[in-house]
C-alpha cells in the first residue's frame, strides 16, 4: 500500500504539515538559534568585562596627574632629607663645615677624633670627638650655629674646663662629641648594631 499526503484527508494533511513544520523549527532552534544565543550571551559577558576594564583604565588615567604630582613631591622630600641625612659619609666635608662654624664663633678646634660608627636599621650614627678652645660666649655661639645647621648634628658629652691662666680670647677648653647621621644604602638584615662608646660626664 502506497502512502502519500495526497491520499490523506485534508485535516490529516494539515496535521502532517504542522508536525513537519514543528520538527523543522525544533531542529533549526536547537542547531542554529540556541548556539547563536549562547554565543551572543558569552560575547555580551565579555563585552561587559572589557567595559569594566576600560572604565578602570579611564579612572586610572584621570588619577595619573595626581600620582605624578605625588611622585614629584616625594622626590623633592627625598632630596631635602638627603641634605640633612646624606647617603654617604664624607669626613673631610663635615670637618670643614665644623671648622667653618668654629671659626665664625671665634673658637679654635685643637683636635678631633672620629669615633666608631653606630649602625642602625636605616641609618648610621657617626660621632666625632672635638677639643675646642675659646670663651663661654664663643662656645655658646658655636652650639647655636650647629643647631641651625642644615645637616643634623647632635652635640653631647660636653666637658668644660677653665684655663689657668686665662687669656684674652681663650678662657676655657671644651670637649664634646658631634654626632651626625648617614642614610644606609643597603641595610644589613640581622646585623647587630655597634654600641657607642660612653661619653665623658659633663
N, C-alpha and C. Protein backbone atom coordinates (compact mmCIF):
# COMPACT_ATOMS: atom_id res chain seq x y z
N UNK A 1 0.86 -1.19 0.00
CA UNK A 1 0.00 0.00 0.00
C UNK A 1 0.89 1.23 0.00
N UNK A 2 0.71 2.11 -0.91
CA UNK A 2 1.47 3.32 -1.03
C UNK A 2 0.86 4.40 -0.12
N UNK A 3 1.77 5.13 0.56
CA UNK A 3 1.36 6.22 1.45
C UNK A 3 1.74 7.54 0.81
N UNK A 4 0.95 8.54 0.93
CA UNK A 4 1.23 9.87 0.41
C UNK A 4 0.31 10.87 1.05
N UNK A 5 0.80 12.12 1.09
CA UNK A 5 -0.02 13.16 1.71
C UNK A 5 -1.31 13.39 0.93
N UNK A 6 -1.21 13.19 -0.36
CA UNK A 6 -2.41 13.45 -1.16
C UNK A 6 -3.49 12.42 -0.93
N UNK A 7 -3.12 11.26 -0.31
CA UNK A 7 -4.12 10.24 -0.02
C UNK A 7 -4.78 10.47 1.33
N UNK A 8 -4.18 11.39 2.15
CA UNK A 8 -4.77 11.68 3.46
C UNK A 8 -5.89 12.69 3.30
N UNK A 9 -6.82 12.63 4.22
CA UNK A 9 -7.85 13.67 4.20
C UNK A 9 -7.22 15.03 4.44
N UNK A 10 -7.95 16.07 4.17
CA UNK A 10 -7.38 17.41 4.23
C UNK A 10 -6.87 17.76 5.62
N UNK A 11 -7.63 17.33 6.65
CA UNK A 11 -7.18 17.63 8.02
C UNK A 11 -5.96 16.83 8.36
N UNK A 12 -5.83 15.65 7.81
CA UNK A 12 -4.63 14.85 8.04
C UNK A 12 -3.42 15.51 7.40
N UNK A 13 -3.64 16.06 6.20
CA UNK A 13 -2.54 16.76 5.54
C UNK A 13 -2.10 17.98 6.34
N UNK A 14 -3.09 18.69 6.93
CA UNK A 14 -2.76 19.86 7.75
C UNK A 14 -1.94 19.45 8.96
N UNK A 15 -2.36 18.36 9.62
CA UNK A 15 -1.65 17.88 10.81
C UNK A 15 -0.24 17.45 10.45
N UNK A 16 -0.12 16.73 9.33
CA UNK A 16 1.21 16.28 8.90
C UNK A 16 2.11 17.47 8.61
N UNK A 17 1.54 18.50 7.96
CA UNK A 17 2.32 19.70 7.66
C UNK A 17 2.78 20.40 8.94
N UNK A 18 1.85 20.45 9.91
CA UNK A 18 2.20 21.09 11.19
C UNK A 18 3.30 20.31 11.90
N UNK A 19 3.20 18.98 11.87
CA UNK A 19 4.21 18.15 12.52
C UNK A 19 5.57 18.36 11.89
N UNK A 20 5.57 18.36 10.55
CA UNK A 20 6.84 18.55 9.85
C UNK A 20 7.39 19.95 10.12
N UNK A 21 6.52 20.94 10.16
CA UNK A 21 6.96 22.32 10.40
C UNK A 21 7.55 22.47 11.81
N UNK A 22 6.85 21.87 12.80
CA UNK A 22 7.33 21.94 14.18
C UNK A 22 8.68 21.25 14.30
N UNK A 23 8.82 20.09 13.65
CA UNK A 23 10.09 19.36 13.70
C UNK A 23 11.20 20.18 13.05
N UNK A 24 10.87 20.82 11.92
CA UNK A 24 11.89 21.64 11.26
C UNK A 24 12.27 22.83 12.14
N UNK A 25 11.27 23.45 12.78
CA UNK A 25 11.58 24.58 13.67
C UNK A 25 12.42 24.14 14.87
N UNK A 26 12.09 22.95 15.40
CA UNK A 26 12.86 22.44 16.55
C UNK A 26 14.31 22.20 16.16
N UNK A 27 14.50 21.57 14.98
CA UNK A 27 15.87 21.33 14.52
C UNK A 27 16.61 22.65 14.31
N UNK A 28 15.92 23.61 13.67
CA UNK A 28 16.54 24.91 13.43
C UNK A 28 16.90 25.62 14.74
N UNK A 29 16.00 25.52 15.75
CA UNK A 29 16.24 26.18 17.03
C UNK A 29 17.43 25.57 17.74
N UNK A 30 17.46 24.21 17.85
CA UNK A 30 18.50 23.55 18.64
C UNK A 30 19.86 23.60 17.95
N UNK A 31 19.85 23.63 16.63
CA UNK A 31 21.12 23.58 15.92
C UNK A 31 21.63 24.96 15.48
N UNK A 32 20.74 25.95 15.45
CA UNK A 32 21.16 27.26 14.97
C UNK A 32 20.85 28.38 15.98
N UNK A 33 19.61 28.47 16.42
CA UNK A 33 19.21 29.59 17.29
C UNK A 33 19.85 29.49 18.66
N UNK A 34 19.76 28.30 19.30
CA UNK A 34 20.28 28.14 20.66
C UNK A 34 21.79 28.39 20.72
N UNK A 35 22.61 27.79 19.84
CA UNK A 35 24.04 28.11 19.88
C UNK A 35 24.32 29.59 19.63
N UNK A 36 23.54 30.20 18.75
CA UNK A 36 23.75 31.63 18.48
C UNK A 36 23.45 32.46 19.71
N UNK A 37 22.37 32.11 20.43
CA UNK A 37 22.04 32.84 21.66
C UNK A 37 23.14 32.67 22.71
N UNK A 38 23.64 31.44 22.85
CA UNK A 38 24.71 31.20 23.82
C UNK A 38 25.96 32.01 23.46
N UNK A 39 26.26 32.04 22.17
CA UNK A 39 27.42 32.80 21.72
C UNK A 39 27.23 34.29 21.98
N UNK A 40 26.01 34.78 21.72
CA UNK A 40 25.72 36.20 21.98
C UNK A 40 25.83 36.51 23.46
N UNK A 41 25.32 35.60 24.32
CA UNK A 41 25.39 35.82 25.77
C UNK A 41 26.85 35.85 26.24
N UNK A 42 27.68 34.92 25.70
CA UNK A 42 29.10 34.89 26.08
C UNK A 42 29.80 36.17 25.62
N UNK A 43 29.49 36.61 24.38
CA UNK A 43 30.10 37.83 23.88
C UNK A 43 29.65 39.05 24.68
N UNK A 44 28.39 39.01 25.12
CA UNK A 44 27.89 40.13 25.92
C UNK A 44 28.62 40.19 27.27
N UNK A 45 28.85 39.03 27.90
CA UNK A 45 29.59 39.00 29.15
C UNK A 45 31.03 39.49 28.94
N UNK A 46 31.65 39.06 27.83
CA UNK A 46 33.00 39.52 27.53
C UNK A 46 33.03 41.03 27.30
N UNK A 47 31.99 41.54 26.63
CA UNK A 47 31.90 42.97 26.38
C UNK A 47 31.76 43.75 27.70
N UNK A 48 30.94 43.21 28.61
CA UNK A 48 30.77 43.87 29.91
C UNK A 48 32.09 43.87 30.69
N UNK A 49 32.82 42.75 30.62
CA UNK A 49 34.10 42.68 31.31
C UNK A 49 35.10 43.69 30.72
N UNK A 50 35.14 43.76 29.39
CA UNK A 50 36.02 44.72 28.74
C UNK A 50 35.63 46.15 29.07
N UNK A 51 34.33 46.40 29.17
CA UNK A 51 33.86 47.74 29.52
C UNK A 51 34.30 48.11 30.93
N UNK A 52 34.23 47.14 31.85
CA UNK A 52 34.72 47.39 33.21
C UNK A 52 36.21 47.70 33.21
N UNK A 53 36.97 46.93 32.42
CA UNK A 53 38.42 47.19 32.33
C UNK A 53 38.69 48.57 31.76
N UNK A 54 37.91 48.95 30.75
CA UNK A 54 38.09 50.27 30.15
C UNK A 54 37.76 51.37 31.16
N UNK A 55 36.69 51.16 31.93
CA UNK A 55 36.32 52.17 32.93
C UNK A 55 37.41 52.31 34.00
N UNK A 56 37.97 51.15 34.41
CA UNK A 56 39.06 51.21 35.39
C UNK A 56 40.26 51.94 34.81
N UNK A 57 40.58 51.64 33.54
CA UNK A 57 41.72 52.30 32.90
C UNK A 57 41.49 53.80 32.78
N UNK A 58 40.27 54.20 32.44
CA UNK A 58 39.95 55.63 32.34
C UNK A 58 40.06 56.30 33.70
N UNK A 59 39.60 55.60 34.75
CA UNK A 59 39.69 56.15 36.10
C UNK A 59 41.15 56.32 36.51
N UNK A 60 41.97 55.31 36.17
CA UNK A 60 43.40 55.40 36.48
C UNK A 60 44.06 56.54 35.70
N UNK A 61 43.65 56.69 34.44
CA UNK A 61 44.21 57.76 33.62
C UNK A 61 43.86 59.12 34.20
N UNK A 62 42.65 59.26 34.77
CA UNK A 62 42.27 60.53 35.38
C UNK A 62 43.13 60.82 36.61
N UNK A 63 43.54 59.76 37.32
CA UNK A 63 44.33 59.94 38.54
C UNK A 63 45.83 60.05 38.25
N UNK A 64 46.25 59.83 36.99
CA UNK A 64 47.67 59.85 36.65
C UNK A 64 48.34 61.18 37.00
N UNK A 65 47.75 62.35 36.68
CA UNK A 65 48.40 63.61 37.08
C UNK A 65 48.58 63.71 38.59
N UNK A 66 47.60 63.20 39.34
CA UNK A 66 47.73 63.23 40.81
C UNK A 66 48.89 62.34 41.26
N UNK A 67 49.01 61.13 40.65
CA UNK A 67 50.11 60.25 41.00
C UNK A 67 51.46 60.89 40.65
N UNK A 68 51.52 61.52 39.47
CA UNK A 68 52.77 62.15 39.05
C UNK A 68 53.15 63.29 40.00
N UNK A 69 52.16 64.06 40.44
CA UNK A 69 52.43 65.15 41.38
C UNK A 69 52.91 64.59 42.72
N UNK A 70 52.31 63.46 43.15
CA UNK A 70 52.73 62.84 44.41
C UNK A 70 54.16 62.32 44.31
N UNK A 71 54.50 61.71 43.16
CA UNK A 71 55.87 61.22 42.96
C UNK A 71 56.86 62.38 42.98
N UNK A 72 56.51 63.49 42.31
CA UNK A 72 57.38 64.66 42.31
C UNK A 72 57.55 65.22 43.72
N UNK A 73 56.45 65.22 44.49
CA UNK A 73 56.51 65.72 45.86
C UNK A 73 57.40 64.83 46.72
N UNK A 74 57.25 63.50 46.56
CA UNK A 74 58.09 62.59 47.32
C UNK A 74 59.56 62.72 46.93
N UNK A 75 59.80 62.95 45.63
CA UNK A 75 61.18 63.14 45.19
C UNK A 75 61.80 64.39 45.80
N UNK A 76 61.01 65.47 45.88
CA UNK A 76 61.51 66.70 46.49
C UNK A 76 61.78 66.51 47.98
N UNK A 77 60.89 65.75 48.65
CA UNK A 77 61.10 65.49 50.08
C UNK A 77 62.35 64.64 50.29
N UNK A 78 62.57 63.66 49.38
CA UNK A 78 63.77 62.83 49.49
C UNK A 78 65.02 63.66 49.32
N UNK A 79 65.00 64.60 48.37
CA UNK A 79 66.16 65.47 48.16
C UNK A 79 66.43 66.32 49.39
N UNK A 80 65.36 66.83 50.02
CA UNK A 80 65.55 67.64 51.23
C UNK A 80 66.07 66.79 52.38
N UNK A 81 65.63 65.54 52.46
CA UNK A 81 66.13 64.65 53.51
C UNK A 81 67.60 64.31 53.29
N UNK A 82 68.00 64.19 52.03
CA UNK A 82 69.41 63.88 51.76
C UNK A 82 70.32 65.01 52.21
N UNK A 83 69.78 66.22 52.29
CA UNK A 83 70.60 67.34 52.74
C UNK A 83 70.92 67.22 54.22
N UNK A 84 69.97 66.68 55.01
CA UNK A 84 70.20 66.55 56.46
C UNK A 84 70.66 65.15 56.83
N UNK A 85 70.33 64.16 56.01
CA UNK A 85 70.80 62.80 56.22
C UNK A 85 71.40 62.30 54.91
N UNK A 86 72.63 62.68 54.59
CA UNK A 86 73.22 62.26 53.32
C UNK A 86 73.40 60.76 53.26
N UNK A 87 73.55 60.24 52.05
CA UNK A 87 73.66 58.80 51.85
C UNK A 87 75.09 58.29 52.00
N UNK A 88 76.06 59.18 51.96
CA UNK A 88 77.44 58.76 52.08
C UNK A 88 78.14 59.60 53.13
N UNK A 89 79.09 58.94 53.81
CA UNK A 89 79.84 59.62 54.86
C UNK A 89 81.03 60.35 54.23
N UNK A 90 81.14 61.65 54.52
CA UNK A 90 82.23 62.45 53.97
C UNK A 90 82.91 63.17 55.13
N UNK A 91 83.98 62.57 55.62
CA UNK A 91 84.65 63.11 56.80
C UNK A 91 85.22 64.49 56.54
N UNK A 92 85.90 64.65 55.41
CA UNK A 92 86.55 65.93 55.12
C UNK A 92 85.53 67.06 55.04
N UNK A 93 84.39 66.79 54.36
CA UNK A 93 83.37 67.83 54.20
C UNK A 93 82.78 68.23 55.55
N UNK A 94 82.47 67.24 56.40
CA UNK A 94 81.88 67.55 57.71
C UNK A 94 82.87 68.33 58.57
N UNK A 95 84.12 67.94 58.55
CA UNK A 95 85.11 68.65 59.35
C UNK A 95 85.31 70.07 58.85
N UNK A 96 85.25 70.27 57.55
CA UNK A 96 85.34 71.63 57.02
C UNK A 96 84.17 72.47 57.52
N UNK A 97 82.97 71.88 57.52
CA UNK A 97 81.81 72.62 57.99
C UNK A 97 81.96 72.97 59.48
N UNK A 98 82.40 72.00 60.27
CA UNK A 98 82.57 72.26 61.71
C UNK A 98 83.66 73.31 61.93
N UNK A 99 84.73 73.24 61.13
CA UNK A 99 85.79 74.24 61.26
C UNK A 99 85.27 75.62 60.92
N UNK A 100 84.41 75.69 59.88
CA UNK A 100 83.84 76.99 59.49
C UNK A 100 82.97 77.55 60.61
N UNK A 101 82.11 76.67 61.21
CA UNK A 101 81.24 77.13 62.30
C UNK A 101 82.07 77.57 63.51
N UNK A 102 83.15 76.84 63.79
CA UNK A 102 84.00 77.22 64.92
C UNK A 102 84.70 78.55 64.65
N UNK A 103 85.20 78.74 63.44
CA UNK A 103 85.87 80.00 63.09
C UNK A 103 84.90 81.16 63.19
N UNK A 104 83.66 80.96 62.71
CA UNK A 104 82.65 82.02 62.80
C UNK A 104 82.32 82.36 64.25
N UNK A 105 82.54 81.41 65.14
CA UNK A 105 82.25 81.62 66.57
C UNK A 105 83.50 82.00 67.36
N UNK A 106 84.62 82.26 66.67
CA UNK A 106 85.89 82.62 67.31
C UNK A 106 86.39 81.53 68.24
N UNK A 107 86.15 80.28 67.82
CA UNK A 107 86.67 79.14 68.56
C UNK A 107 87.80 78.50 67.75
N UNK A 108 88.68 77.80 68.47
CA UNK A 108 89.76 77.07 67.82
C UNK A 108 89.57 75.58 68.09
N UNK A 109 89.55 74.78 67.01
CA UNK A 109 89.49 73.32 67.17
C UNK A 109 90.92 72.81 67.33
N UNK A 110 91.25 72.35 68.53
CA UNK A 110 92.59 71.87 68.82
C UNK A 110 92.81 70.43 68.35
N UNK A 111 91.76 69.64 68.37
CA UNK A 111 91.90 68.24 67.95
C UNK A 111 90.52 67.68 67.65
N UNK A 112 90.50 66.70 66.79
CA UNK A 112 89.26 65.97 66.51
C UNK A 112 89.60 64.50 66.37
N UNK A 113 88.72 63.65 66.88
CA UNK A 113 88.96 62.21 66.86
C UNK A 113 87.69 61.49 66.42
N UNK A 114 87.63 60.97 65.19
CA UNK A 114 86.45 60.20 64.76
C UNK A 114 86.28 58.96 65.64
N UNK A 115 85.05 58.72 66.07
CA UNK A 115 84.72 57.57 66.90
C UNK A 115 84.12 56.45 66.03
N UNK A 116 83.94 55.28 66.63
CA UNK A 116 83.35 54.15 65.90
C UNK A 116 81.90 54.46 65.54
N UNK A 117 81.54 54.17 64.30
CA UNK A 117 80.16 54.39 63.85
C UNK A 117 79.22 53.41 64.55
N UNK A 118 77.99 53.88 64.78
CA UNK A 118 76.96 53.05 65.40
C UNK A 118 75.90 52.75 64.34
N UNK A 119 75.77 51.48 63.97
CA UNK A 119 74.89 51.09 62.87
C UNK A 119 73.48 50.84 63.37
N UNK A 120 72.52 51.48 62.73
CA UNK A 120 71.09 51.26 62.99
C UNK A 120 70.49 50.58 61.77
N UNK A 121 69.14 50.37 61.81
CA UNK A 121 68.47 49.68 60.71
C UNK A 121 68.54 50.46 59.40
N UNK A 122 68.23 51.76 59.45
CA UNK A 122 68.15 52.56 58.24
C UNK A 122 69.23 53.63 58.14
N UNK A 123 69.96 53.85 59.21
CA UNK A 123 70.97 54.89 59.20
C UNK A 123 72.12 54.49 60.12
N UNK A 124 73.18 55.28 60.08
CA UNK A 124 74.33 55.06 60.95
C UNK A 124 74.66 56.36 61.67
N UNK A 125 75.00 56.24 62.94
CA UNK A 125 75.45 57.40 63.71
C UNK A 125 76.96 57.49 63.58
N UNK A 126 77.43 58.69 63.32
CA UNK A 126 78.85 58.89 63.07
C UNK A 126 79.38 59.98 63.99
N UNK A 127 79.94 59.62 65.16
CA UNK A 127 80.39 60.61 66.14
C UNK A 127 81.85 61.02 65.93
N UNK A 128 82.13 62.30 66.24
CA UNK A 128 83.50 62.83 66.21
C UNK A 128 83.73 63.57 67.53
N UNK A 129 84.80 63.23 68.21
CA UNK A 129 85.15 63.91 69.46
C UNK A 129 85.97 65.14 69.13
N UNK A 130 85.55 66.31 69.66
CA UNK A 130 86.20 67.58 69.39
C UNK A 130 86.82 68.16 70.65
N UNK A 131 87.96 68.83 70.49
CA UNK A 131 88.58 69.62 71.56
C UNK A 131 88.62 71.07 71.09
N UNK A 132 87.94 71.93 71.84
CA UNK A 132 87.77 73.33 71.45
C UNK A 132 88.43 74.25 72.48
N UNK A 133 88.75 75.45 72.00
CA UNK A 133 89.36 76.45 72.89
C UNK A 133 88.79 77.81 72.54
N UNK A 134 88.38 78.57 73.57
CA UNK A 134 87.82 79.90 73.35
C UNK A 134 87.24 80.45 74.63
N UNK A 135 86.04 81.04 74.54
CA UNK A 135 85.35 81.58 75.70
C UNK A 135 83.97 80.94 75.82
N UNK A 136 83.34 81.13 76.97
CA UNK A 136 81.99 80.59 77.17
C UNK A 136 81.03 81.16 76.11
N UNK A 137 81.15 82.45 75.87
CA UNK A 137 80.26 83.09 74.90
C UNK A 137 80.47 82.50 73.50
N UNK A 138 81.72 82.34 73.13
CA UNK A 138 82.01 81.77 71.81
C UNK A 138 81.52 80.33 71.70
N UNK A 139 81.67 79.58 72.78
CA UNK A 139 81.19 78.19 72.77
C UNK A 139 79.68 78.15 72.60
N UNK A 140 78.97 79.05 73.28
CA UNK A 140 77.52 79.12 73.12
C UNK A 140 77.13 79.47 71.68
N UNK A 141 77.86 80.41 71.07
CA UNK A 141 77.60 80.76 69.67
C UNK A 141 77.82 79.55 68.76
N UNK A 142 78.87 78.79 69.04
CA UNK A 142 79.16 77.61 68.22
C UNK A 142 78.03 76.59 68.31
N UNK A 143 77.57 76.31 69.53
CA UNK A 143 76.46 75.35 69.69
C UNK A 143 75.20 75.86 69.00
N UNK A 144 74.95 77.16 69.05
CA UNK A 144 73.77 77.73 68.39
C UNK A 144 73.87 77.57 66.88
N UNK A 145 75.03 77.82 66.32
CA UNK A 145 75.20 77.66 64.87
C UNK A 145 75.06 76.20 64.46
N UNK A 146 75.58 75.29 65.27
CA UNK A 146 75.45 73.87 64.96
C UNK A 146 73.98 73.45 64.97
N UNK A 147 73.20 73.99 65.92
CA UNK A 147 71.77 73.62 66.00
C UNK A 147 70.99 74.11 64.79
N UNK A 148 71.47 75.17 64.12
CA UNK A 148 70.77 75.72 62.96
C UNK A 148 71.34 75.21 61.65
N UNK A 149 72.32 74.34 61.71
CA UNK A 149 72.96 73.83 60.50
C UNK A 149 71.99 72.92 59.75
N UNK A 150 72.08 72.94 58.41
CA UNK A 150 71.12 72.16 57.60
C UNK A 150 71.25 70.67 57.85
N UNK A 151 72.44 70.19 58.05
CA UNK A 151 72.66 68.77 58.32
C UNK A 151 72.51 68.51 59.82
N UNK A 152 71.87 67.39 60.17
CA UNK A 152 71.63 67.08 61.57
C UNK A 152 72.95 66.76 62.27
N UNK A 153 73.27 67.53 63.30
CA UNK A 153 74.46 67.29 64.12
C UNK A 153 74.05 67.43 65.58
N UNK A 154 74.20 66.36 66.35
CA UNK A 154 73.89 66.39 67.78
C UNK A 154 75.19 66.60 68.57
N UNK A 155 75.11 67.44 69.59
CA UNK A 155 76.24 67.69 70.48
C UNK A 155 75.96 67.02 71.82
N UNK A 156 76.91 66.21 72.29
CA UNK A 156 76.73 65.51 73.56
C UNK A 156 78.09 65.39 74.25
N UNK A 157 78.05 64.91 75.49
CA UNK A 157 79.29 64.67 76.24
C UNK A 157 80.15 65.91 76.39
N UNK A 158 79.53 67.04 76.71
CA UNK A 158 80.27 68.30 76.82
C UNK A 158 81.02 68.37 78.15
N UNK A 159 82.32 68.66 78.07
CA UNK A 159 83.15 68.86 79.27
C UNK A 159 83.87 70.19 79.11
N UNK A 160 83.68 71.11 80.08
CA UNK A 160 84.27 72.44 80.00
C UNK A 160 85.22 72.62 81.18
N UNK A 161 86.41 73.15 80.88
CA UNK A 161 87.42 73.42 81.92
C UNK A 161 87.95 74.84 81.73
N UNK A 162 88.13 75.52 82.83
CA UNK A 162 88.72 76.84 82.78
C UNK A 162 90.22 76.77 82.56
N UNK A 163 90.78 77.71 81.81
CA UNK A 163 92.21 77.75 81.53
C UNK A 163 92.94 78.49 82.65
N UNK A 164 94.08 77.98 83.00
CA UNK A 164 94.93 78.61 84.01
C UNK A 164 96.33 78.81 83.43
N UNK A 165 96.72 80.04 83.25
CA UNK A 165 95.93 81.27 83.46
C UNK A 165 95.07 81.56 82.24
N UNK A 166 93.94 82.25 82.39
CA UNK A 166 93.10 82.60 81.23
C UNK A 166 93.77 83.63 80.34
N UNK A 167 93.46 83.56 79.07
CA UNK A 167 93.96 84.52 78.09
C UNK A 167 92.82 85.44 77.66
N UNK A 168 93.15 86.44 76.85
CA UNK A 168 92.16 87.45 76.49
C UNK A 168 90.97 86.83 75.75
N UNK A 169 91.22 86.05 74.72
CA UNK A 169 90.14 85.43 73.94
C UNK A 169 90.12 83.92 74.09
N UNK A 170 90.71 83.43 75.18
CA UNK A 170 90.74 81.99 75.40
C UNK A 170 90.74 81.74 76.90
N UNK A 171 89.54 81.56 77.45
CA UNK A 171 89.41 81.37 78.90
C UNK A 171 89.03 79.95 79.27
N UNK A 172 88.61 79.14 78.28
CA UNK A 172 88.18 77.77 78.58
C UNK A 172 88.70 76.82 77.51
N UNK A 173 88.74 75.55 77.86
CA UNK A 173 88.87 74.47 76.89
C UNK A 173 87.63 73.59 77.03
N UNK A 174 87.19 73.04 75.95
CA UNK A 174 85.97 72.23 75.99
C UNK A 174 86.14 71.00 75.11
N UNK A 175 85.53 69.92 75.55
CA UNK A 175 85.46 68.71 74.75
C UNK A 175 83.99 68.35 74.56
N UNK A 176 83.66 67.84 73.39
CA UNK A 176 82.29 67.42 73.12
C UNK A 176 82.30 66.41 71.98
N UNK A 177 81.20 65.71 71.83
CA UNK A 177 81.04 64.75 70.73
C UNK A 177 79.99 65.29 69.76
N UNK A 178 80.41 65.52 68.53
CA UNK A 178 79.48 65.95 67.47
C UNK A 178 79.08 64.71 66.67
N UNK A 179 77.79 64.37 66.71
CA UNK A 179 77.30 63.16 66.05
C UNK A 179 76.40 63.53 64.88
N UNK A 180 76.77 63.08 63.71
CA UNK A 180 75.92 63.26 62.54
C UNK A 180 75.36 61.90 62.13
N UNK A 181 74.45 61.90 61.16
CA UNK A 181 73.74 60.69 60.77
C UNK A 181 73.82 60.51 59.26
N UNK A 182 73.97 59.26 58.85
CA UNK A 182 74.15 58.93 57.43
C UNK A 182 73.14 57.87 57.05
N UNK A 183 72.41 58.10 55.94
CA UNK A 183 71.49 57.08 55.43
C UNK A 183 72.27 55.88 54.94
N UNK A 184 71.79 54.70 55.29
CA UNK A 184 72.43 53.47 54.81
C UNK A 184 71.82 53.10 53.47
N UNK A 185 72.68 52.78 52.50
CA UNK A 185 72.19 52.43 51.16
C UNK A 185 71.54 51.05 51.16
N UNK A 186 72.16 50.07 51.82
CA UNK A 186 71.62 48.71 51.88
C UNK A 186 71.69 48.23 53.32
N UNK A 187 70.60 48.41 54.10
CA UNK A 187 70.61 47.97 55.50
C UNK A 187 70.90 46.49 55.60
N UNK A 188 71.82 46.14 56.44
CA UNK A 188 72.19 44.73 56.62
C UNK A 188 71.18 44.04 57.50
N UNK A 189 70.51 43.04 56.97
CA UNK A 189 69.48 42.32 57.73
C UNK A 189 70.13 41.50 58.82
N UNK A 190 69.65 41.70 60.05
CA UNK A 190 70.12 40.88 61.17
C UNK A 190 71.49 41.29 61.70
N UNK A 191 72.12 42.34 61.16
CA UNK A 191 73.42 42.74 61.64
C UNK A 191 73.28 43.48 62.95
N UNK A 192 73.99 43.04 64.02
CA UNK A 192 73.85 43.71 65.32
C UNK A 192 74.46 45.09 65.28
N UNK A 193 73.78 46.04 65.88
CA UNK A 193 74.27 47.41 65.91
C UNK A 193 75.40 47.53 66.91
N UNK A 194 76.43 48.37 66.58
CA UNK A 194 77.51 48.60 67.48
C UNK A 194 77.06 49.52 68.60
N UNK A 195 77.58 49.30 69.79
CA UNK A 195 77.22 50.15 70.91
C UNK A 195 78.17 51.33 70.97
N UNK A 196 77.63 52.55 71.13
CA UNK A 196 78.52 53.72 71.19
C UNK A 196 79.35 53.73 72.44
N UNK A 197 80.54 54.34 72.32
CA UNK A 197 81.39 54.46 73.49
C UNK A 197 80.77 55.43 74.46
N UNK A 198 80.97 55.17 75.75
CA UNK A 198 80.37 56.01 76.78
C UNK A 198 81.00 57.39 76.74
N UNK A 199 80.17 58.43 76.70
CA UNK A 199 80.66 59.81 76.65
C UNK A 199 81.07 60.25 78.05
N UNK A 200 82.12 61.08 78.15
CA UNK A 200 82.52 61.57 79.46
C UNK A 200 81.41 62.37 80.11
N UNK A 201 81.34 62.30 81.40
CA UNK A 201 80.30 63.04 82.13
C UNK A 201 80.54 64.53 82.03
N UNK A 202 79.43 65.27 81.89
CA UNK A 202 79.55 66.74 81.80
C UNK A 202 79.94 67.28 83.15
